[in-house]
Amino acid sequence: MIEKKKILDAVVIVDVVVILVVAVNINFFIITIIPLAVLKSQSFMKK
């Protein structure tokens, strides 16, 4: 039973790490893409 609990704990930790990495990547994507889109739309407006 103890071994199973250790495995479950490890799985939970891995899940949390994966979720954190995905969240950071999404935030990074949003932070980088939105300003680029805004800049592009502004440059189109000037033309």
N, C-alpha and C. Protein backbone atom coordinates (compact mmCIF):
# COMPACT_ATOMS: atom_id res chain seq x y z
N MET A 1 0.83 -1.21 0.00
CA MET A 1 0.00 0.00 0.00
C MET A 1 0.87 1.26 0.00
N ILE A 2 1.96 1.22 0.78
CA ILE A 2 2.84 2.40 0.86
C ILE A 2 3.43 2.69 -0.52
N GLU A 3 3.86 1.64 -1.23
CA GLU A 3 4.44 1.84 -2.57
C GLU A 3 3.41 2.50 -3.49
N LYS A 4 2.17 2.02 -3.42
CA LYS A 4 1.13 2.60 -4.27
C LYS A 4 0.96 4.08 -3.96
N LYS A 5 0.96 4.42 -2.68
CA LYS A 5 0.78 5.83 -2.31
C LYS A 5 1.94 6.67 -2.85
N LYS A 6 3.15 6.13 -2.77
CA LYS A 6 4.31 6.86 -3.30
C LYS A 6 4.13 7.11 -4.79
N ILE A 7 3.68 6.07 -5.51
CA ILE A 7 3.49 6.21 -6.95
C ILE A 7 2.42 7.27 -7.23
N LEU A 8 1.33 7.22 -6.46
CA LEU A 8 0.25 8.20 -6.65
C LEU A 8 0.77 9.61 -6.38
N ASP A 9 1.55 9.77 -5.31
CA ASP A 9 2.12 11.08 -5.00
C ASP A 9 2.99 11.57 -6.16
N ALA A 10 3.80 10.67 -6.71
CA ALA A 10 4.68 11.04 -7.82
C ALA A 10 3.84 11.46 -9.03
N VAL A 11 2.76 10.73 -9.30
CA VAL A 11 1.90 11.06 -10.43
C VAL A 11 1.27 12.44 -10.23
N VAL A 12 0.82 12.71 -9.00
CA VAL A 12 0.21 14.00 -8.70
C VAL A 12 1.22 15.12 -8.90
N ILE A 13 2.46 14.91 -8.42
CA ILE A 13 3.51 15.92 -8.57
C ILE A 13 3.78 16.18 -10.05
N VAL A 14 3.87 15.11 -10.83
CA VAL A 14 4.12 15.25 -12.27
C VAL A 14 2.98 16.03 -12.92
N ASP A 15 1.74 15.69 -12.55
CA ASP A 15 0.58 16.40 -13.11
C ASP A 15 0.66 17.89 -12.79
N VAL A 16 0.99 18.21 -11.55
CA VAL A 16 1.07 19.62 -11.14
C VAL A 16 2.16 20.34 -11.94
N VAL A 17 3.30 19.69 -12.09
CA VAL A 17 4.41 20.30 -12.83
C VAL A 17 4.00 20.55 -14.28
N VAL A 18 3.35 19.55 -14.89
CA VAL A 18 2.91 19.70 -16.28
C VAL A 18 1.93 20.86 -16.41
N ILE A 19 0.99 20.94 -15.47
CA ILE A 19 -0.01 22.02 -15.51
C ILE A 19 0.68 23.37 -15.38
N LEU A 20 1.65 23.46 -14.47
CA LEU A 20 2.38 24.73 -14.28
C LEU A 20 3.13 25.11 -15.55
N VAL A 21 3.79 24.14 -16.16
CA VAL A 21 4.56 24.43 -17.38
C VAL A 21 3.63 24.90 -18.49
N VAL A 22 2.49 24.23 -18.63
CA VAL A 22 1.53 24.62 -19.67
C VAL A 22 1.01 26.02 -19.40
N ALA A 23 0.69 26.31 -18.13
CA ALA A 23 0.17 27.63 -17.77
C ALA A 23 1.21 28.71 -18.09
N VAL A 24 2.47 28.45 -17.76
CA VAL A 24 3.54 29.42 -18.03
C VAL A 24 3.68 29.63 -19.53
N ASN A 25 3.62 28.53 -20.29
CA ASN A 25 3.75 28.65 -21.74
C ASN A 25 2.60 29.46 -22.33
N ILE A 26 1.38 29.22 -21.84
CA ILE A 26 0.22 29.97 -22.34
C ILE A 26 0.38 31.45 -22.01
N ASN A 27 0.80 31.75 -20.78
CA ASN A 27 0.99 33.15 -20.38
C ASN A 27 2.06 33.80 -21.25
N PHE A 28 3.16 33.10 -21.47
CA PHE A 28 4.25 33.62 -22.31
C PHE A 28 3.74 33.89 -23.72
N PHE A 29 2.96 32.93 -24.25
CA PHE A 29 2.39 33.04 -25.59
C PHE A 29 1.51 34.28 -25.68
N ILE A 30 0.64 34.46 -24.68
CA ILE A 30 -0.27 35.62 -24.67
C ILE A 30 0.53 36.91 -24.58
N ILE A 31 1.52 36.93 -23.69
CA ILE A 31 2.30 38.16 -23.47
C ILE A 31 3.08 38.54 -24.74
N THR A 32 3.54 37.56 -25.49
CA THR A 32 4.35 37.86 -26.68
C THR A 32 3.48 38.08 -27.92
N ILE A 33 2.40 37.31 -28.06
CA ILE A 33 1.62 37.36 -29.30
C ILE A 33 0.73 38.60 -29.35
N ILE A 34 0.08 38.94 -28.24
CA ILE A 34 -0.87 40.07 -28.26
C ILE A 34 -0.17 41.38 -28.63
N PRO A 35 0.97 41.73 -28.02
CA PRO A 35 1.65 42.96 -28.44
C PRO A 35 2.04 42.94 -29.91
N LEU A 36 2.47 41.78 -30.42
CA LEU A 36 2.83 41.68 -31.83
C LEU A 36 1.61 41.94 -32.71
N ALA A 37 0.48 41.35 -32.33
CA ALA A 37 -0.76 41.55 -33.09
C ALA A 37 -1.17 43.02 -33.06
N VAL A 38 -1.04 43.64 -31.89
CA VAL A 38 -1.40 45.06 -31.75
C VAL A 38 -0.49 45.91 -32.64
N LEU A 39 0.80 45.62 -32.59
CA LEU A 39 1.75 46.39 -33.41
C LEU A 39 1.43 46.23 -34.89
N LYS A 40 1.13 44.99 -35.31
CA LYS A 40 0.83 44.75 -36.72
C LYS A 40 -0.43 45.49 -37.12
N SER A 41 -1.47 45.44 -36.29
CA SER A 41 -2.72 46.12 -36.63
C SER A 41 -2.50 47.63 -36.69
N GLN A 42 -1.66 48.16 -35.80
CA GLN A 42 -1.37 49.60 -35.82
C GLN A 42 -0.62 49.97 -37.10
N SER A 43 0.32 49.14 -37.51
CA SER A 43 1.09 49.44 -38.72
C SER A 43 0.18 49.36 -39.94
N PHE A 44 -0.80 48.45 -39.93
CA PHE A 44 -1.76 48.37 -41.03
C PHE A 44 -2.63 49.63 -41.06
N MET A 45 -3.02 50.10 -39.87
CA MET A 45 -3.87 51.29 -39.79
C MET A 45 -3.15 52.50 -40.39
N LYS A 46 -1.85 52.61 -40.14
CA LYS A 46 -1.09 53.76 -40.63
C LYS A 46 -1.07 53.79 -42.15
N LYS A 47 -1.01 52.62 -42.76
CA LYS A 47 -1.02 52.55 -44.23
C LYS A 47 -2.41 52.93 -44.72
